[in-house]
């Protein structure tokens, strides 16, 4: 399983930094949009949707544990998930922890931008020490028999630089992302398609109750735009083409400002059988093992929330941007080194840990001895 997750993460994190030349076949997903394809010329115009009139329901629709398939460029990955929950009255957040490589996050929040009360998104993370945060603004909402459609575009370069579009129908989500190498390769091409169904809504409902979500109040105010000198500028350009920041200290909305989220540091004490093995570090809603430490397939498929991988020389991992709640922690040693869970891999009986808001917890796993 982790083999495709690792490849997916590499592609997904480069949403803004990589230009994908091959389009996804239209048969993979059908997100209906009445707006024209982007071929920007001249001055960029961004018209935010006023959520006092429409579009505010995007936040509530986005919450949930989404499990499905992902297509990146022309490669299909049959299992992937995002866990979106409220972290304030007007902020939905989800993160993929990639382990040693880094992470990928996307959050949606109420803001003030260009004179409108609207929804913005923050996408990015940290890959191999490279920090990125890009900002998007809601500019299109369409509701018809095909479902409820929402588009967010780069908050500086508009649809000609980057965009993401989401369609919700019943319990299904269809999510496309487009990139242009931060405006250096116009027009953008489709980079990612995530098609999923909603599971474990009780997690999102618990978070919503705890933070009094949803409310139409400003989470982060961008009414004055961005500090121009902090934005990334492509080589050869004199002005930024994207609302992107490549340094933590220049990012206007870092993790230090995000409410409610917690941290978990997982320490692993290796024994001789797993000394030089890659470890899968899993957080789940239910136990991934039975009482004897044997993995349960159903739990792996429908209960898994976070699934990073750490290298052979690493003995601990810090989960960041973590939703409060009780999790099962399961470490699996990739004994045959084939990149996914398989017969012969070594694990232990899943252990529980409770994460509290804005606090860091720690757990030590020292009994990884059960061969599946």
Protein backbone atom coordinates (compact mmCIF):
# COMPACT_ATOMS: atom_id res chain seq x y z
CA UNK A 1 0.00 0.00 0.00
CA UNK A 2 2.67 2.53 0.93
CA UNK A 3 4.41 2.19 -2.43
CA UNK A 4 1.63 3.98 -4.24
CA UNK A 5 1.13 6.41 -1.35
CA UNK A 6 4.79 7.40 -1.53
CA UNK A 7 4.59 8.06 -5.27
CA UNK A 8 1.32 9.90 -4.89
CA UNK A 9 2.74 12.19 -2.24
CA UNK A 10 5.73 13.10 -4.38
CA UNK A 11 3.43 14.21 -7.18
CA UNK A 12 0.75 15.81 -5.00
CA UNK A 13 3.09 18.03 -3.03
CA UNK A 14 4.47 19.45 -6.26
CA UNK A 15 1.06 20.81 -7.21
CA UNK A 16 2.51 24.28 -7.62
CA UNK A 17 6.11 23.46 -8.44
CA UNK A 18 5.68 20.84 -11.14
CA UNK A 19 4.05 21.17 -14.54
CA UNK A 20 2.19 18.01 -15.59
CA UNK A 21 2.14 17.61 -19.35
CA UNK A 22 -0.41 14.81 -19.70
CA UNK A 23 -4.11 15.39 -19.10
CA UNK A 24 -6.29 12.94 -17.23
CA UNK A 25 -8.80 11.12 -19.42
CA UNK A 26 -12.22 12.68 -19.16
CA UNK A 27 -13.64 9.25 -18.34
CA UNK A 28 -11.76 9.27 -15.02
CA UNK A 29 -13.95 12.02 -13.63
CA UNK A 30 -16.63 14.35 -14.93
CA UNK A 31 -16.69 17.64 -13.08
CA UNK A 32 -19.16 19.86 -14.89
CA UNK A 33 -18.08 23.50 -15.13
CA UNK A 34 -19.76 26.17 -17.22
CA UNK A 35 -16.76 28.52 -17.06
CA UNK A 36 -14.35 28.66 -20.02
CA UNK A 37 -10.94 26.99 -19.93
CA UNK A 38 -8.18 29.33 -18.78
CA UNK A 39 -6.09 31.05 -21.43
CA UNK A 40 -5.11 34.24 -19.57
CA UNK A 41 -3.98 37.34 -21.39
CA UNK A 42 -3.31 40.81 -20.05
CA UNK A 43 -4.35 41.81 -16.54
CA UNK A 44 -5.50 39.05 -14.21
CA UNK A 45 -9.00 39.58 -12.85
CA UNK A 46 -10.17 37.65 -9.80
CA UNK A 47 -13.81 37.98 -8.77
CA UNK A 48 -14.38 36.32 -5.38
CA UNK A 49 -17.72 34.73 -4.67
CA UNK A 50 -19.62 36.54 -1.92
CA UNK A 51 -20.55 33.76 0.51
CA UNK A 52 -23.26 35.97 2.01
CA UNK A 53 -25.07 35.14 -1.25
CA UNK A 54 -23.86 31.63 -2.10
CA UNK A 55 -21.02 29.17 -1.53
CA UNK A 56 -20.74 29.21 2.27
CA UNK A 57 -21.95 25.59 2.34
CA UNK A 58 -18.63 24.47 0.81
CA UNK A 59 -17.14 24.30 4.31
CA UNK A 60 -19.81 21.97 5.64
CA UNK A 61 -19.75 19.79 2.52
CA UNK A 62 -15.96 19.38 2.75
CA UNK A 63 -15.92 17.91 6.25
CA UNK A 64 -15.55 14.14 6.51
CA UNK A 65 -13.14 11.23 6.13
CA UNK A 66 -12.88 10.85 2.36
CA UNK A 67 -11.67 7.49 1.03
CA UNK A 68 -11.27 6.72 -2.64
CA UNK A 69 -8.92 6.64 -5.63
CA UNK A 70 -6.49 9.20 -6.95
CA UNK A 71 -5.17 9.76 -10.46
CA UNK A 72 -1.98 11.79 -10.75
CA UNK A 73 -1.04 12.67 -14.32
CA UNK A 74 -1.94 9.32 -15.97
CA UNK A 75 -1.26 6.99 -13.03
CA UNK A 76 -4.08 5.54 -10.94
CA UNK A 77 -3.69 4.92 -7.21
CA UNK A 78 -6.54 2.73 -5.99
CA UNK A 79 -6.60 3.84 -2.31
CA UNK A 80 -6.09 7.22 -0.68
CA UNK A 81 -7.79 9.28 2.00
CA UNK A 82 -8.09 12.75 3.51
CA UNK A 83 -9.55 13.48 6.95
CA UNK A 84 -11.23 16.91 6.90
CA UNK A 85 -12.54 18.33 10.17
CA UNK A 86 -13.35 21.77 11.55
CA UNK A 87 -10.68 23.45 13.65
CA UNK A 88 -12.61 26.67 14.32
CA UNK A 89 -16.11 28.00 13.62
CA UNK A 90 -15.07 28.83 10.03
CA UNK A 91 -12.09 26.66 9.12
CA UNK A 92 -11.91 23.09 7.70
CA UNK A 93 -8.53 21.35 7.63
CA UNK A 94 -7.00 18.13 6.30
CA UNK A 95 -3.40 16.91 6.00
CA UNK A 96 -1.55 13.98 4.51
CA UNK A 97 1.54 13.13 6.57
CA UNK A 98 4.07 11.63 4.19
CA UNK A 99 6.54 10.59 6.86
CA UNK A 100 10.23 11.11 6.22
CA UNK A 101 9.46 12.97 2.98
CA UNK A 102 7.20 15.61 4.49
CA UNK A 103 3.50 16.45 4.35
CA UNK A 104 0.70 17.87 2.23
CA UNK A 105 -2.18 19.94 3.56
CA UNK A 106 -5.21 21.79 2.27
CA UNK A 107 -7.51 23.93 4.39
CA UNK A 108 -10.59 26.02 3.59
CA UNK A 109 -11.55 29.06 5.67
CA UNK A 110 -13.68 32.20 5.68
CA UNK A 111 -11.82 35.38 4.75
CA UNK A 112 -12.22 38.90 3.48
CA UNK A 113 -10.61 39.35 0.05
CA UNK A 114 -11.02 42.09 -2.58
CA UNK A 115 -13.97 43.58 -0.71
CA UNK A 116 -15.90 40.30 -0.46
CA UNK A 117 -16.65 37.88 2.38
CA UNK A 118 -15.49 34.68 0.73
CA UNK A 119 -13.77 31.31 1.20
CA UNK A 120 -10.06 30.89 0.68
CA UNK A 121 -7.88 27.77 0.67
CA UNK A 122 -4.32 27.17 1.80
CA UNK A 123 -2.39 24.34 0.14
CA UNK A 124 1.18 23.19 0.66
CA UNK A 125 3.43 21.64 3.25
CA UNK A 126 7.04 20.61 3.64
CA UNK A 127 8.79 18.22 1.25
CA UNK A 128 12.38 17.22 1.98
CA UNK A 129 12.97 20.56 3.67
CA UNK A 130 11.29 22.63 0.94
CA UNK A 131 8.48 24.70 2.45
CA UNK A 132 5.52 25.90 0.37
CA UNK A 133 2.18 27.56 1.06
CA UNK A 134 -0.14 28.67 -1.76
CA UNK A 135 -3.42 30.58 -1.38
CA UNK A 136 -6.59 30.23 -3.43
CA UNK A 137 -9.91 32.10 -3.49
CA UNK A 138 -13.41 30.88 -4.32
CA UNK A 139 -14.47 32.38 -7.66
CA UNK A 140 -17.17 30.04 -8.99
CA UNK A 141 -20.16 28.18 -7.55
CA UNK A 142 -22.62 26.19 -9.66
CA UNK A 143 -25.39 23.92 -8.42
CA UNK A 144 -27.30 21.62 -10.76
CA UNK A 145 -28.32 17.99 -11.27
CA UNK A 146 -24.66 16.98 -11.59
CA UNK A 147 -24.01 18.14 -8.02
CA UNK A 148 -22.65 21.21 -6.26
CA UNK A 149 -19.55 22.64 -7.95
CA UNK A 150 -16.96 24.98 -6.40
CA UNK A 151 -13.80 26.41 -7.96
CA UNK A 152 -10.93 28.13 -6.15
CA UNK A 153 -8.18 29.91 -8.11
CA UNK A 154 -4.73 31.24 -7.28
CA UNK A 155 -5.27 34.40 -5.24
CA UNK A 156 -2.69 36.35 -7.30
CA UNK A 157 -2.51 34.70 -10.71
CA UNK A 158 -6.08 33.53 -10.96
CA UNK A 159 -7.18 30.51 -12.96
CA UNK A 160 -4.23 30.93 -15.34
CA UNK A 161 -1.77 29.97 -12.59
CA UNK A 162 -3.40 27.30 -10.43
CA UNK A 163 -6.85 26.16 -9.48
CA UNK A 164 -8.78 23.46 -7.71
CA UNK A 165 -12.34 22.38 -8.39
CA UNK A 166 -14.63 20.26 -6.27
CA UNK A 167 -17.96 18.65 -6.99
CA UNK A 168 -20.13 17.08 -4.30
CA UNK A 169 -22.99 14.72 -5.11
CA UNK A 170 -24.70 12.76 -2.34
CA UNK A 171 -21.83 11.18 -0.36
CA UNK A 172 -19.27 11.51 -3.18
CA UNK A 173 -16.46 14.01 -3.76
CA UNK A 174 -14.71 14.72 -7.06
CA UNK A 175 -11.61 16.91 -6.67
CA UNK A 176 -9.38 18.16 -9.51
CA UNK A 177 -6.21 20.25 -9.21
CA UNK A 178 -4.49 22.18 -12.00
CA UNK A 179 -0.97 23.59 -12.08
CA UNK A 180 1.23 25.76 -14.31
CA UNK A 181 4.57 25.74 -12.46
CA UNK A 182 3.60 28.90 -10.56
CA UNK A 183 2.59 30.63 -13.79
CA UNK A 184 5.70 29.68 -15.77
CA UNK A 185 3.91 27.13 -17.98
CA UNK A 186 0.58 28.64 -19.06
CA UNK A 187 -2.08 27.34 -19.57
CA UNK A 188 -2.34 25.03 -16.54
CA UNK A 189 -2.83 21.30 -17.02
CA UNK A 190 -4.76 18.89 -14.87
CA UNK A 191 -2.44 17.46 -12.27
CA UNK A 192 -4.56 15.46 -9.83
CA UNK A 193 -7.98 13.88 -9.57
CA UNK A 194 -9.26 12.55 -6.25
CA UNK A 195 -12.57 10.68 -6.37
CA UNK A 196 -13.90 9.52 -2.99
CA UNK A 197 -16.80 8.71 -0.71
CA UNK A 198 -17.42 9.97 2.80
CA UNK A 199 -16.76 7.68 5.76
CA UNK A 200 -16.63 8.14 9.55
CA UNK A 201 -18.65 11.36 9.57
CA UNK A 202 -18.90 11.07 13.35
CA UNK A 203 -15.29 12.32 13.59
CA UNK A 204 -16.18 15.50 11.71
CA UNK A 205 -19.43 15.97 13.64
CA UNK A 206 -17.61 15.73 16.98
CA UNK A 207 -15.09 18.37 15.87
CA UNK A 208 -17.85 20.64 14.53
CA UNK A 209 -19.67 20.54 17.86
CA UNK A 210 -16.48 21.24 19.81
CA UNK A 211 -15.62 24.41 17.85
CA UNK A 212 -19.19 25.62 17.10
CA UNK A 213 -18.84 25.06 13.36
CA UNK A 214 -20.04 26.33 10.89
CA UNK A 215 -20.24 30.10 11.24
CA UNK A 216 -19.82 32.82 8.65
CA UNK A 217 -17.09 34.71 10.49
CA UNK A 218 -13.59 35.65 9.35
CA UNK A 219 -10.87 33.17 10.26
CA UNK A 220 -8.00 34.97 8.51
CA UNK A 221 -8.38 38.45 7.04
CA UNK A 222 -6.78 39.01 3.62
CA UNK A 223 -8.65 42.22 2.85
CA UNK A 224 -5.28 43.93 2.30
CA UNK A 225 -3.98 41.15 0.10
CA UNK A 226 -0.42 39.84 0.55
CA UNK A 227 2.94 41.40 1.32
CA UNK A 228 4.30 41.51 -2.22
CA UNK A 229 7.96 41.19 -1.37
CA UNK A 230 7.26 37.93 0.49
CA UNK A 231 5.70 36.21 -2.53
CA UNK A 232 7.70 33.85 -4.73
CA UNK A 233 8.87 35.33 -8.04
CA UNK A 234 9.90 33.04 -10.91
CA UNK A 235 13.36 33.42 -12.36
CA UNK A 236 13.28 36.09 -15.07
CA UNK A 237 10.07 37.67 -13.77
CA UNK A 238 9.79 40.98 -11.95
CA UNK A 239 6.38 40.33 -10.36
CA UNK A 240 4.87 37.28 -8.62
CA UNK A 241 2.45 35.22 -10.67
CA UNK A 242 1.18 33.18 -7.75
CA UNK A 243 0.04 33.63 -4.15
CA UNK A 244 2.83 31.31 -3.03
CA UNK A 245 5.34 31.55 -0.19
CA UNK A 246 8.44 29.34 -0.05
CA UNK A 247 9.68 30.38 3.39
CA UNK A 248 7.98 29.70 6.72
CA UNK A 249 8.75 33.17 8.08
CA UNK A 250 7.09 34.78 5.06
CA UNK A 251 3.94 32.67 5.11
CA UNK A 252 1.10 34.88 6.44
CA UNK A 253 -0.83 31.97 8.03
CA UNK A 254 1.51 29.36 9.54
CA UNK A 255 0.71 26.44 11.83
CA UNK A 256 1.48 28.72 14.78
CA UNK A 257 -1.78 30.58 14.08
CA UNK A 258 -3.94 27.52 13.49
CA UNK A 259 -6.28 26.87 16.43
CA UNK A 260 -7.33 23.62 18.08
CA UNK A 261 -4.82 21.27 16.36
CA UNK A 262 -2.38 19.13 18.32
CA UNK A 263 0.83 17.14 17.88
CA UNK A 264 1.82 13.54 18.48
CA UNK A 265 5.40 12.30 18.75
CA UNK A 266 5.69 8.55 18.14
CA UNK A 267 8.88 6.90 19.40
CA UNK A 268 9.89 3.43 18.23
CA UNK A 269 12.27 1.09 20.03
CA UNK A 270 13.57 -1.29 17.40
CA UNK A 271 14.51 -4.90 18.07
CA UNK A 272 17.01 -6.92 15.97
CA UNK A 273 14.29 -8.21 13.61
CA UNK A 274 13.36 -4.67 12.47
CA UNK A 275 16.61 -2.75 12.97
CA UNK A 276 17.11 -1.95 9.30
CA UNK A 277 13.50 -1.96 8.07
CA UNK A 278 11.27 0.83 6.79
CA UNK A 279 8.38 1.45 9.20
CA UNK A 280 4.78 2.33 8.39
CA UNK A 281 3.39 4.54 11.18
CA UNK A 282 -0.41 4.43 11.13
CA UNK A 283 -3.14 6.34 12.97
CA UNK A 284 -6.65 4.93 12.71
CA UNK A 285 -10.15 5.28 14.11
CA UNK A 286 -10.38 1.59 14.99
CA UNK A 287 -7.70 -0.94 15.94
CA UNK A 288 -5.80 -2.17 12.87
CA UNK A 289 -5.03 -5.43 14.67
CA UNK A 290 -6.96 -8.00 16.60
CA UNK A 291 -6.18 -8.80 20.23
CA UNK A 292 -3.28 -11.02 19.12
CA UNK A 293 -1.66 -8.39 16.93
CA UNK A 294 -2.78 -9.68 13.53
CA UNK A 295 -3.79 -7.05 10.96
CA UNK A 296 -7.46 -6.66 10.02
CA UNK A 297 -8.11 -5.87 6.36
CA UNK A 298 -11.42 -4.01 6.89
CA UNK A 299 -9.88 -1.65 9.43
CA UNK A 300 -6.95 -0.93 7.13
CA UNK A 301 -9.30 0.04 4.31
CA UNK A 302 -11.98 2.07 6.10
CA UNK A 303 -10.47 3.24 9.41
CA UNK A 304 -7.03 4.48 8.38
CA UNK A 305 -6.60 8.25 8.90
CA UNK A 306 -2.85 8.94 8.76
CA UNK A 307 -0.28 6.69 7.10
CA UNK A 308 3.30 8.06 6.99
CA UNK A 309 6.41 6.01 6.30
CA UNK A 310 9.78 6.50 7.98
CA UNK A 311 13.21 5.39 6.81
CA UNK A 312 15.38 2.65 8.30
CA UNK A 313 17.50 5.01 10.41
CA UNK A 314 14.59 6.97 11.89
CA UNK A 315 13.16 5.97 15.26
CA UNK A 316 10.52 8.62 15.87
CA UNK A 317 7.99 10.70 13.98
CA UNK A 318 6.11 13.89 14.84
CA UNK A 319 2.53 14.21 13.58
CA UNK A 320 1.64 17.88 13.07
CA UNK A 321 -1.68 19.65 12.36
CA UNK A 322 -3.37 16.70 14.11
CA UNK A 323 -7.09 16.77 14.89
CA UNK A 324 -7.85 16.19 18.58
CA UNK A 325 -9.38 12.85 19.45
CA UNK A 326 -8.49 9.28 20.32
CA UNK A 327 -6.45 7.29 17.82
CA UNK A 328 -5.06 3.80 17.50
CA UNK A 329 -1.33 3.77 16.78
CA UNK A 330 0.09 0.86 14.78
CA UNK A 331 3.67 0.39 13.60
CA UNK A 332 4.32 -2.11 10.79
CA UNK A 333 7.85 -3.13 9.79
CA UNK A 334 8.25 -3.77 6.06
CA UNK A 335 10.24 -6.97 6.52
CA UNK A 336 10.47 -8.04 2.88
CA UNK A 337 11.07 -4.41 1.79
CA UNK A 338 8.51 -4.48 -1.02
CA UNK A 339 6.96 -1.10 -0.10
CA UNK A 340 3.54 -2.30 1.10
CA UNK A 341 1.88 -4.35 3.82
CA UNK A 342 2.37 -8.03 3.14
CA UNK A 343 2.52 -11.48 4.73
CA UNK A 344 5.57 -11.68 6.96
CA UNK A 345 5.59 -8.01 8.02
CA UNK A 346 6.04 -7.48 11.76
CA UNK A 347 3.70 -5.41 13.94
CA UNK A 348 2.18 -5.32 17.45
CA UNK A 349 -1.20 -4.93 19.12
CA UNK A 350 -2.53 -1.46 18.22
CA UNK A 351 -2.25 1.05 21.08
CA UNK A 352 -4.44 4.06 21.84
CA UNK A 353 -3.50 7.68 22.43
CA UNK A 354 -5.65 10.77 23.00
CA UNK A 355 -4.75 14.09 21.40
CA UNK A 356 -5.92 17.27 23.14
CA UNK A 357 -6.22 20.71 21.50
CA UNK A 358 -2.99 22.68 21.08
CA UNK A 359 -0.96 20.16 23.09
CA UNK A 360 1.71 17.60 22.22
CA UNK A 361 1.42 13.97 23.29
CA UNK A 362 4.00 11.21 23.08
CA UNK A 363 3.77 7.46 22.77
CA UNK A 364 6.50 4.82 22.73
CA UNK A 365 6.08 1.53 20.86
CA UNK A 366 8.57 -1.10 22.01
CA UNK A 367 6.84 -4.42 21.31
CA UNK A 368 6.97 -4.77 17.49
CA UNK A 369 7.38 -8.56 17.49
CA UNK A 370 4.29 -10.13 15.90
CA UNK A 371 4.85 -11.52 12.40
CA UNK A 372 1.72 -11.51 10.23
